[in-house]
Amino acid sequence: MLSKKKTLVIGGVGLWQEVGVQKWCEAFGEVSGMRRMSNGDIHVTFKKAKVADTVCRVQARVFIEDIGSVQLSWFEGK
């Protein structure tokens, strides 16, 4: 049985900082999609489900170089 796709949700990222977020995410694995939502959060999907599972296990504040402190969470499905 296939698991539902997980989407990483990154909150607290300023405008124009998407490139830094993408570079940080790509350090874990290939990113298949990234988009900023109307509430300012960035939704990131990874090409491989295993990478998404690994990154999405963290639900906390993390520090991304050149960006600062951001909030991580995730959801399954569309």
C-alpha atoms as a PDB file:
ATOM      1  CA  MET A   1       0.000   0.000   0.000  1.00  0.00           C
ATOM      2  CA  LEU A   2       1.357   3.435  -0.924  1.00  0.00           C
ATOM      3  CA  SER A   3       1.571   6.044   1.785  1.00  0.00           C
ATOM      4  CA  LYS A   4       0.138   9.488   1.252  1.00  0.00           C
ATOM      5  CA  LYS A   5       2.556  12.162   0.095  1.00  0.00           C
ATOM      6  CA  LYS A   6       3.893  14.319   2.916  1.00  0.00           C
ATOM      7  CA  THR A   7       4.314  18.044   2.521  1.00  0.00           C
ATOM      8  CA  LEU A   8       6.760  19.986   4.661  1.00  0.00           C
ATOM      9  CA  VAL A   9       5.337  23.288   5.911  1.00  0.00           C
ATOM     10  CA  ILE A  10       7.841  26.017   6.779  1.00  0.00           C
ATOM     11  CA  GLY A  11       6.543  29.096   8.568  1.00  0.00           C
ATOM     12  CA  GLY A  12       8.349  32.290   9.484  1.00  0.00           C
ATOM     13  CA  VAL A  13      10.211  32.760   6.208  1.00  0.00           C
ATOM     14  CA  GLY A  14      10.454  36.316   4.972  1.00  0.00           C
ATOM     15  CA  LEU A  15       9.723  37.411   1.448  1.00  0.00           C
ATOM     16  CA  TRP A  16      12.576  36.849  -1.009  1.00  0.00           C
ATOM     17  CA  GLN A  17      14.072  34.028   1.115  1.00  0.00           C
ATOM     18  CA  GLU A  18      12.699  31.117  -0.916  1.00  0.00           C
ATOM     19  CA  VAL A  19      16.089  30.410  -2.529  1.00  0.00           C
ATOM     20  CA  GLY A  20      17.676  29.878   0.888  1.00  0.00           C
ATOM     21  CA  VAL A  21      14.824  27.582   1.911  1.00  0.00           C
ATOM     22  CA  GLN A  22      15.171  25.575  -1.285  1.00  0.00           C
ATOM     23  CA  LYS A  23      18.927  25.149  -0.779  1.00  0.00           C
ATOM     24  CA  TRP A  24      18.330  23.992   2.809  1.00  0.00           C
ATOM     25  CA  CYS A  25      15.707  21.470   1.688  1.00  0.00           C
ATOM     26  CA  GLU A  26      17.882  20.183  -1.163  1.00  0.00           C
ATOM     27  CA  ALA A  27      20.560  19.286   1.389  1.00  0.00           C
ATOM     28  CA  PHE A  28      18.181  16.446   2.393  1.00  0.00           C
ATOM     29  CA  GLY A  29      17.138  15.362  -1.118  1.00  0.00           C
ATOM     30  CA  GLU A  30      15.644  16.460  -4.417  1.00  0.00           C
ATOM     31  CA  VAL A  31      12.747  18.900  -4.109  1.00  0.00           C
ATOM     32  CA  SER A  32       9.856  18.240  -6.487  1.00  0.00           C
ATOM     33  CA  GLY A  33       7.840  21.331  -5.644  1.00  0.00           C
ATOM     34  CA  MET A  34       7.819  24.444  -3.519  1.00  0.00           C
ATOM     35  CA  ARG A  35       5.215  27.199  -3.252  1.00  0.00           C
ATOM     36  CA  ARG A  36       4.364  30.060  -0.947  1.00  0.00           C
ATOM     37  CA  MET A  37       0.833  29.975   0.423  1.00  0.00           C
ATOM     38  CA  SER A  38      -1.403  33.009   1.006  1.00  0.00           C
ATOM     39  CA  ASN A  39      -0.681  32.852   4.766  1.00  0.00           C
ATOM     40  CA  GLY A  40       3.084  33.152   4.108  1.00  0.00           C
ATOM     41  CA  ASP A  41       3.982  29.506   4.798  1.00  0.00           C
ATOM     42  CA  ILE A  42       6.082  27.636   2.266  1.00  0.00           C
ATOM     43  CA  HIS A  43       4.943  24.127   1.254  1.00  0.00           C
ATOM     44  CA  VAL A  44       7.724  21.817   0.085  1.00  0.00           C
ATOM     45  CA  THR A  45       7.375  18.376  -1.511  1.00  0.00           C
ATOM     46  CA  PHE A  46      10.275  16.018  -2.094  1.00  0.00           C
ATOM     47  CA  LYS A  47      10.757  13.672  -5.045  1.00  0.00           C
ATOM     48  CA  LYS A  48      11.365  10.665  -2.785  1.00  0.00           C
ATOM     49  CA  ALA A  49       8.895   9.820  -0.033  1.00  0.00           C
ATOM     50  CA  LYS A  50      11.726   8.564   2.181  1.00  0.00           C
ATOM     51  CA  VAL A  51      13.306  12.041   2.206  1.00  0.00           C
ATOM     52  CA  ALA A  52       9.979  13.632   3.075  1.00  0.00           C
ATOM     53  CA  ASP A  53       9.493  11.139   5.913  1.00  0.00           C
ATOM     54  CA  THR A  54      12.920  11.983   7.328  1.00  0.00           C
ATOM     55  CA  VAL A  55      12.556  15.757   7.154  1.00  0.00           C
ATOM     56  CA  CYS A  56       8.921  15.769   8.232  1.00  0.00           C
ATOM     57  CA  ARG A  57       9.666  13.920  11.491  1.00  0.00           C
ATOM     58  CA  VAL A  58      10.957  17.200  12.885  1.00  0.00           C
ATOM     59  CA  GLN A  59       8.224  19.446  14.210  1.00  0.00           C
ATOM     60  CA  ALA A  60      10.072  22.262  15.859  1.00  0.00           C
ATOM     61  CA  ARG A  61      11.879  25.516  15.403  1.00  0.00           C
ATOM     62  CA  VAL A  62      15.049  25.223  13.365  1.00  0.00           C
ATOM     63  CA  PHE A  63      17.648  27.735  12.258  1.00  0.00           C
ATOM     64  CA  ILE A  64      18.340  28.038   8.533  1.00  0.00           C
ATOM     65  CA  GLU A  65      21.519  29.927   7.683  1.00  0.00           C
ATOM     66  CA  ASP A  66      20.840  33.328   6.087  1.00  0.00           C
ATOM     67  CA  ILE A  67      17.133  32.992   6.937  1.00  0.00           C
ATOM     68  CA  GLY A  68      16.907  32.669  10.718  1.00  0.00           C
ATOM     69  CA  SER A  69      14.581  30.733  12.972  1.00  0.00           C
ATOM     70  CA  VAL A  70      11.601  29.076  11.248  1.00  0.00           C
ATOM     71  CA  GLN A  71       8.812  26.729  12.314  1.00  0.00           C
ATOM     72  CA  LEU A  72       8.555  23.249  10.716  1.00  0.00           C
ATOM     73  CA  SER A  73       5.440  21.083  10.487  1.00  0.00           C
ATOM     74  CA  TRP A  74       3.913  18.794   7.871  1.00  0.00           C
ATOM     75  CA  PHE A  75       0.713  17.255   6.546  1.00  0.00           C
ATOM     76  CA  GLU A  76      -0.247  14.214   4.489  1.00  0.00           C
ATOM     77  CA  GLY A  77      -2.342  14.218   1.359  1.00  0.00           C
ATOM     78  CA  LYS A  78      -3.208  17.046  -0.993  1.00  0.00           C
END
